[in-house]
Amino acid sequence: MSICPMHPKIPILKKRIKASYKLFSHCQLCPRNCGVNRIKNELGFCGEGGLPNVASDNLHYGEEPPISGVQGSGTIFFAGCTMRCVYCQNYPISHMGHGHPVSIPKLADIMIQLQNRGAHNINLVTPTHFIPQIILALYIAYRNGLNIPIVYNTSGYESVKALKLLDGIVDIYMPDMKYANEGIAIALSNAPNYPKINQEAVLEMFRQVGHLKFNKNGTAVKGLLIRHLILPEWASGTKFILEWIANHIDTETHISLMRQYFPAYKALKIKALNKRITDDMYTTAKQYMIKLGFKNGWLQD
């Protein structure tokens, strides 16, 4: 008889369950600190209650190459959000809560099924407001044979207190760095103090996982990958964000410099946002990234 060894994450997950639900009962999972009792299904800013609300789960091939790999990323999209971006391309999910509440054992089963279908990782998209349920589901899933990396795919509007619960659990952090200016963050995403909160969160993520690392097939297994979406009129503060990463982490950081913005949702009625970025803008951003000394990452030419 062969006995499977216990996955090293299982004791960590078991320890964190109680602490995570303590934050959940007087909700402090995100920087808004709503204080509602989500265990009793009270709704905070995110609009979500006690059960994880899953909008979709599938193999996804549209992430950065080392995340999607050849076989796809096992992506789980959660409904609700801690932000309210006026240009959100997934607003029915993030703003309107379109999804299906699932039990925690069911969430664990979804993870196992994605692994069985060949996923390189479990990619948790907009997971912040469901951290306790995710920790419990992962505890169940790892006890039932889950053994692939966990990707935390986030807007970057995160509480360091909540992120510390994920230390040793999340393998790959994939945060956005959306804004360099608080006023713009408030106007476009209703996210007070976004730059400071985002920067502190990214530093905590880097402390936990370090630079992005790959297996022999070029698939990411651990580390930090920062995404930055260029907005029209330079609203995102691209140059400042690149400088901040260079100065506060280093130029070895893997960055995905994205030009995929298109007007969606309320942005269609906002003159400054109702347009795509130009080729010249993207070239300028790319050249500045190279000038600063960044060598690792992905461009969208």
Protein backbone atom coordinates (compact mmCIF):
# COMPACT_ATOMS: atom_id res chain seq x y z
CA MET A 1 0.00 0.00 0.00
CA SER A 2 1.32 3.44 -0.90
CA ILE A 3 0.54 6.44 1.29
CA CYS A 4 0.43 9.88 -0.33
CA PRO A 5 2.42 12.47 1.66
CA MET A 6 0.48 15.41 3.07
CA HIS A 7 0.85 18.55 0.97
CA PRO A 8 2.94 21.14 2.89
CA LYS A 9 0.22 23.79 2.47
CA ILE A 10 -2.36 21.79 4.44
CA PRO A 11 -1.09 22.71 7.96
CA ILE A 12 -0.77 26.38 6.90
CA LEU A 13 -4.30 26.43 5.52
CA LYS A 14 -5.70 24.76 8.63
CA LYS A 15 -4.11 27.44 10.83
CA ARG A 16 -5.46 30.32 8.75
CA ILE A 17 -9.13 29.26 8.57
CA LYS A 18 -10.13 30.66 11.97
CA ALA A 19 -8.15 33.90 11.53
CA SER A 20 -9.65 34.52 8.09
CA TYR A 21 -13.21 34.05 9.31
CA LYS A 22 -12.51 36.46 12.15
CA LEU A 23 -11.89 39.15 9.52
CA PHE A 24 -15.03 37.97 7.73
CA SER A 25 -17.38 38.28 10.72
CA HIS A 26 -16.58 42.00 10.99
CA CYS A 27 -15.45 42.36 7.41
CA GLN A 28 -11.93 43.74 7.05
CA LEU A 29 -10.89 41.76 3.99
CA CYS A 30 -10.31 44.82 1.81
CA PRO A 31 -9.19 48.39 2.56
CA ARG A 32 -12.78 49.59 2.91
CA ASN A 33 -13.19 47.78 6.26
CA CYS A 34 -16.99 47.74 5.94
CA GLY A 35 -17.38 45.93 9.27
CA VAL A 36 -20.45 43.95 8.22
CA ASN A 37 -20.99 40.36 9.35
CA ARG A 38 -20.60 38.48 6.09
CA ILE A 39 -21.08 35.15 7.92
CA LYS A 40 -24.66 36.31 8.51
CA ASN A 41 -24.93 37.28 4.84
CA GLU A 42 -24.71 41.01 5.48
CA LEU A 43 -23.52 42.84 2.37
CA GLY A 44 -20.65 45.28 2.27
CA PHE A 45 -19.32 47.42 -0.57
CA CYS A 46 -18.50 44.33 -2.66
CA GLY A 47 -22.16 43.31 -2.63
CA GLU A 48 -21.40 39.74 -1.64
CA GLY A 49 -22.49 37.66 1.34
CA GLY A 50 -21.42 34.39 2.91
CA LEU A 51 -21.08 31.99 0.00
CA PRO A 52 -18.51 32.33 -2.78
CA ASN A 53 -20.24 33.66 -5.89
CA VAL A 54 -18.67 32.07 -8.97
CA ALA A 55 -19.34 33.70 -12.34
CA SER A 56 -17.41 31.13 -14.39
CA ASP A 57 -14.71 28.49 -14.22
CA ASN A 58 -12.78 27.15 -17.19
CA LEU A 59 -9.41 26.68 -18.81
CA HIS A 60 -8.26 30.09 -19.99
CA TYR A 61 -5.63 30.70 -22.66
CA GLY A 62 -5.62 34.51 -22.75
CA GLU A 63 -3.38 35.23 -19.76
CA GLU A 64 0.34 35.99 -20.01
CA PRO A 65 2.20 33.06 -21.64
CA PRO A 66 3.72 31.56 -18.45
CA ILE A 67 0.31 31.63 -16.74
CA SER A 68 -1.76 30.13 -19.57
CA GLY A 69 1.05 27.85 -20.73
CA VAL A 70 0.06 25.24 -23.27
CA GLN A 71 -2.80 23.61 -21.40
CA GLY A 72 -4.50 26.71 -20.00
CA SER A 73 -4.94 28.43 -16.66
CA GLY A 74 -7.66 27.06 -14.41
CA THR A 75 -9.53 30.33 -14.05
CA ILE A 76 -12.26 30.92 -11.47
CA PHE A 77 -14.00 34.29 -11.87
CA PHE A 78 -15.65 35.55 -8.68
CA ALA A 79 -18.57 37.99 -8.80
CA GLY A 80 -18.51 41.27 -6.91
CA CYS A 81 -15.56 43.61 -6.50
CA THR A 82 -13.92 45.96 -4.03
CA MET A 83 -13.71 48.66 -6.73
CA ARG A 84 -16.14 50.33 -9.12
CA CYS A 85 -14.17 51.06 -12.30
CA VAL A 86 -16.27 53.12 -14.70
CA TYR A 87 -14.60 51.37 -17.67
CA CYS A 88 -14.94 47.81 -16.34
CA GLN A 89 -15.23 45.31 -19.18
CA ASN A 90 -16.75 42.70 -16.87
CA TYR A 91 -19.24 44.98 -15.09
CA PRO A 92 -22.15 42.48 -15.10
CA ILE A 93 -19.95 40.23 -12.96
CA SER A 94 -18.07 42.79 -10.88
CA HIS A 95 -20.75 45.46 -10.37
CA MET A 96 -23.99 43.53 -10.74
CA GLY A 97 -22.95 40.28 -9.08
CA HIS A 98 -23.91 37.96 -11.92
CA GLY A 99 -22.82 34.49 -10.85
CA HIS A 100 -23.84 31.38 -8.96
CA PRO A 101 -23.32 31.02 -5.21
CA VAL A 102 -21.61 27.69 -4.53
CA SER A 103 -20.85 25.75 -1.37
CA ILE A 104 -17.26 25.62 -0.19
CA PRO A 105 -16.94 21.87 -0.94
CA LYS A 106 -18.23 22.64 -4.44
CA LEU A 107 -15.56 25.35 -4.85
CA ALA A 108 -12.93 22.82 -3.81
CA ASP A 109 -14.35 20.35 -6.34
CA ILE A 110 -14.15 22.99 -9.11
CA MET A 111 -10.44 23.35 -8.36
CA ILE A 112 -9.88 19.60 -8.53
CA GLN A 113 -11.83 19.35 -11.80
CA LEU A 114 -9.73 22.12 -13.38
CA GLN A 115 -6.58 20.30 -12.34
CA ASN A 116 -7.93 17.06 -13.79
CA ARG A 117 -8.53 18.88 -17.09
CA GLY A 118 -4.84 19.77 -17.26
CA ALA A 119 -4.76 23.31 -15.84
CA HIS A 120 -1.29 24.60 -15.02
CA ASN A 121 -2.63 26.52 -12.02
CA ILE A 122 -5.75 27.64 -10.18
CA ASN A 123 -6.25 31.28 -11.17
CA LEU A 124 -8.46 33.13 -8.66
CA VAL A 125 -9.82 36.26 -10.37
CA THR A 126 -11.12 39.09 -8.13
CA PRO A 127 -10.80 36.90 -5.03
CA THR A 128 -10.25 39.46 -2.24
CA HIS A 129 -13.75 39.50 -0.76
CA PHE A 130 -13.82 35.69 -0.61
CA ILE A 131 -10.47 35.02 1.07
CA PRO A 132 -11.88 32.94 4.00
CA GLN A 133 -13.99 30.72 1.74
CA ILE A 134 -11.04 30.27 -0.62
CA ILE A 135 -8.72 29.27 2.23
CA LEU A 136 -11.25 26.69 3.46
CA ALA A 137 -11.88 25.40 -0.08
CA LEU A 138 -8.13 25.09 -0.69
CA TYR A 139 -7.76 23.16 2.57
CA ILE A 140 -10.34 20.67 1.29
CA ALA A 141 -8.89 20.61 -2.23
CA TYR A 142 -5.29 20.00 -1.15
CA ARG A 143 -6.46 17.18 1.12
CA ASN A 144 -8.11 15.68 -1.96
CA GLY A 145 -5.09 15.86 -4.24
CA LEU A 146 -4.76 19.43 -5.50
CA ASN A 147 -1.08 20.05 -6.21
CA ILE A 148 -0.80 22.90 -8.75
CA PRO A 149 0.14 26.54 -8.04
CA ILE A 150 -2.38 29.13 -6.86
CA VAL A 151 -2.57 32.45 -8.74
CA TYR A 152 -4.06 35.48 -6.98
CA ASN A 153 -5.34 37.74 -9.79
CA THR A 154 -6.35 41.10 -8.34
CA SER A 155 -7.00 44.80 -8.86
CA GLY A 156 -4.27 45.46 -6.30
CA TYR A 157 -6.64 47.22 -3.88
CA GLU A 158 -5.69 44.96 -1.01
CA SER A 159 -5.34 44.97 2.76
CA VAL A 160 -1.89 43.90 3.93
CA LYS A 161 -3.57 42.33 6.98
CA ALA A 162 -5.62 40.06 4.70
CA LEU A 163 -2.67 39.34 2.39
CA LYS A 164 -0.65 38.02 5.33
CA LEU A 165 -3.25 35.27 5.68
CA LEU A 166 -2.20 34.07 2.23
CA ASP A 167 1.52 33.87 2.98
CA GLY A 168 2.67 30.35 2.08
CA ILE A 169 -0.64 29.65 0.31
CA VAL A 170 -0.57 31.82 -2.82
CA ASP A 171 2.25 30.94 -5.22
CA ILE A 172 1.84 33.63 -7.88
CA TYR A 173 0.56 37.13 -7.24
CA MET A 174 -0.76 38.93 -10.32
CA PRO A 175 -1.85 42.41 -9.15
CA ASP A 176 -2.78 45.43 -11.19
CA MET A 177 -1.08 48.71 -10.50
CA LYS A 178 -3.87 50.89 -11.86
CA TYR A 179 -3.25 54.45 -10.72
CA ALA A 180 -0.53 56.79 -9.53
CA ASN A 181 -2.97 59.56 -8.55
CA GLU A 182 -5.55 59.24 -5.77
CA GLY A 183 -7.99 61.75 -7.28
CA ILE A 184 -8.13 59.80 -10.53
CA ALA A 185 -8.51 56.53 -8.60
CA ILE A 186 -11.51 57.98 -6.78
CA ALA A 187 -13.05 59.44 -9.94
CA LEU A 188 -12.62 56.33 -12.09
CA SER A 189 -12.80 53.48 -9.56
CA ASN A 190 -14.19 54.87 -6.28
CA ALA A 191 -10.95 53.68 -4.65
CA PRO A 192 -9.77 56.14 -1.97
CA ASN A 193 -6.03 56.13 -1.24
CA TYR A 194 -5.45 53.61 -4.04
CA PRO A 195 -1.79 54.46 -4.81
CA LYS A 196 -0.57 54.07 -1.20
CA ILE A 197 -2.68 50.97 -0.52
CA ASN A 198 -1.66 49.41 -3.83
CA GLN A 199 2.03 50.06 -3.28
CA GLU A 200 1.99 48.59 0.23
CA ALA A 201 0.11 45.53 -1.07
CA VAL A 202 2.55 44.94 -3.92
CA LEU A 203 5.51 45.15 -1.55
CA GLU A 204 3.86 42.57 0.72
CA MET A 205 3.23 40.29 -2.25
CA PHE A 206 6.86 40.59 -3.31
CA ARG A 207 8.01 39.85 0.24
CA GLN A 208 6.02 36.62 0.16
CA VAL A 209 6.91 35.24 -3.26
CA GLY A 210 9.82 37.20 -4.77
CA HIS A 211 10.46 37.47 -8.49
CA LEU A 212 8.66 35.23 -10.98
CA LYS A 213 10.16 31.76 -11.34
CA PHE A 214 9.50 29.12 -13.99
CA ASN A 215 9.70 25.37 -14.44
CA LYS A 216 11.70 23.73 -17.23
CA ASN A 217 8.73 24.18 -19.62
CA GLY A 218 8.59 27.94 -19.07
CA THR A 219 5.42 27.85 -16.97
CA ALA A 220 5.34 30.12 -13.92
CA VAL A 221 5.43 28.33 -10.58
CA LYS A 222 6.01 31.17 -8.09
CA GLY A 223 6.51 34.91 -7.89
CA LEU A 224 5.15 38.35 -8.69
CA LEU A 225 3.80 39.51 -12.05
CA ILE A 226 2.58 43.12 -12.13
CA ARG A 227 0.01 44.22 -14.69
CA HIS A 228 -0.40 47.83 -15.79
CA LEU A 229 -3.17 48.94 -18.14
CA ILE A 230 -2.44 52.19 -19.98
CA LEU A 231 -5.48 54.48 -19.99
CA PRO A 232 -6.33 57.32 -22.40
CA GLU A 233 -4.88 60.73 -21.52
CA TRP A 234 -2.26 58.91 -19.39
CA ALA A 235 -4.87 58.73 -16.62
CA SER A 236 -3.17 55.71 -15.07
CA GLY A 237 0.13 57.52 -14.46
CA THR A 238 2.17 54.98 -16.38
CA LYS A 239 5.59 56.64 -16.08
CA PHE A 240 5.29 57.16 -12.34
CA ILE A 241 4.22 53.55 -11.77
CA LEU A 242 7.13 52.17 -13.79
CA GLU A 243 9.52 54.42 -11.85
CA TRP A 244 8.03 53.28 -8.54
CA ILE A 245 8.53 49.61 -9.42
CA ALA A 246 12.11 50.25 -10.50
CA ASN A 247 12.92 52.19 -7.31
CA HIS A 248 11.01 50.17 -4.71
CA ILE A 249 11.39 46.62 -6.05
CA ASP A 250 13.81 46.49 -8.99
CA THR A 251 14.02 46.25 -12.77
CA GLU A 252 14.08 42.44 -12.66
CA THR A 253 10.34 42.58 -11.91
CA HIS A 254 8.10 40.96 -14.51
CA ILE A 255 5.63 43.50 -15.90
CA SER A 256 2.76 43.04 -18.31
CA LEU A 257 2.36 46.41 -20.08
CA MET A 258 -1.16 46.29 -21.47
CA ARG A 259 -2.70 48.32 -24.28
CA GLN A 260 -6.00 46.44 -24.44
CA TYR A 261 -8.15 49.26 -23.04
CA PHE A 262 -11.35 49.93 -24.93
CA PRO A 263 -14.33 52.07 -23.90
CA ALA A 264 -16.88 49.99 -22.02
CA TYR A 265 -19.65 50.51 -19.49
CA LYS A 266 -19.82 54.14 -18.26
CA ALA A 267 -16.64 55.12 -20.12
CA LEU A 268 -18.72 55.34 -23.29
CA LYS A 269 -20.22 58.56 -21.88
CA ILE A 270 -16.95 60.06 -20.61
CA LYS A 271 -15.16 62.06 -23.30
CA ALA A 272 -11.64 61.50 -21.96
CA LEU A 273 -12.20 57.72 -21.79
CA ASN A 274 -14.32 57.14 -24.88
CA LYS A 275 -11.33 56.25 -27.08
CA ARG A 276 -8.51 53.77 -27.31
CA ILE A 277 -4.90 54.59 -26.58
CA THR A 278 -2.81 55.46 -29.62
CA ASP A 279 0.15 53.58 -31.09
CA ASP A 280 2.34 56.56 -30.16
CA MET A 281 1.25 56.35 -26.52
CA TYR A 282 2.07 52.67 -26.29
CA THR A 283 5.42 53.16 -28.01
CA THR A 284 6.27 55.95 -25.55
CA ALA A 285 5.37 53.74 -22.57
CA LYS A 286 7.32 50.79 -23.96
CA GLN A 287 10.40 52.90 -24.63
CA TYR A 288 10.28 54.37 -21.12
CA MET A 289 10.01 50.89 -19.62
CA ILE A 290 13.11 49.83 -21.57
CA LYS A 291 14.94 53.07 -20.65
CA LEU A 292 14.40 52.34 -16.95
CA GLY A 293 16.09 48.99 -17.44
CA PHE A 294 13.21 46.52 -17.28
CA LYS A 295 14.09 43.30 -19.07
CA ASN A 296 11.33 40.91 -18.02
CA GLY A 297 7.71 40.94 -19.02
CA TRP A 298 5.26 41.12 -21.86
CA LEU A 299 4.25 43.73 -24.42
CA GLN A 300 1.13 43.88 -26.55
CA ASP A 301 2.29 44.95 -29.99
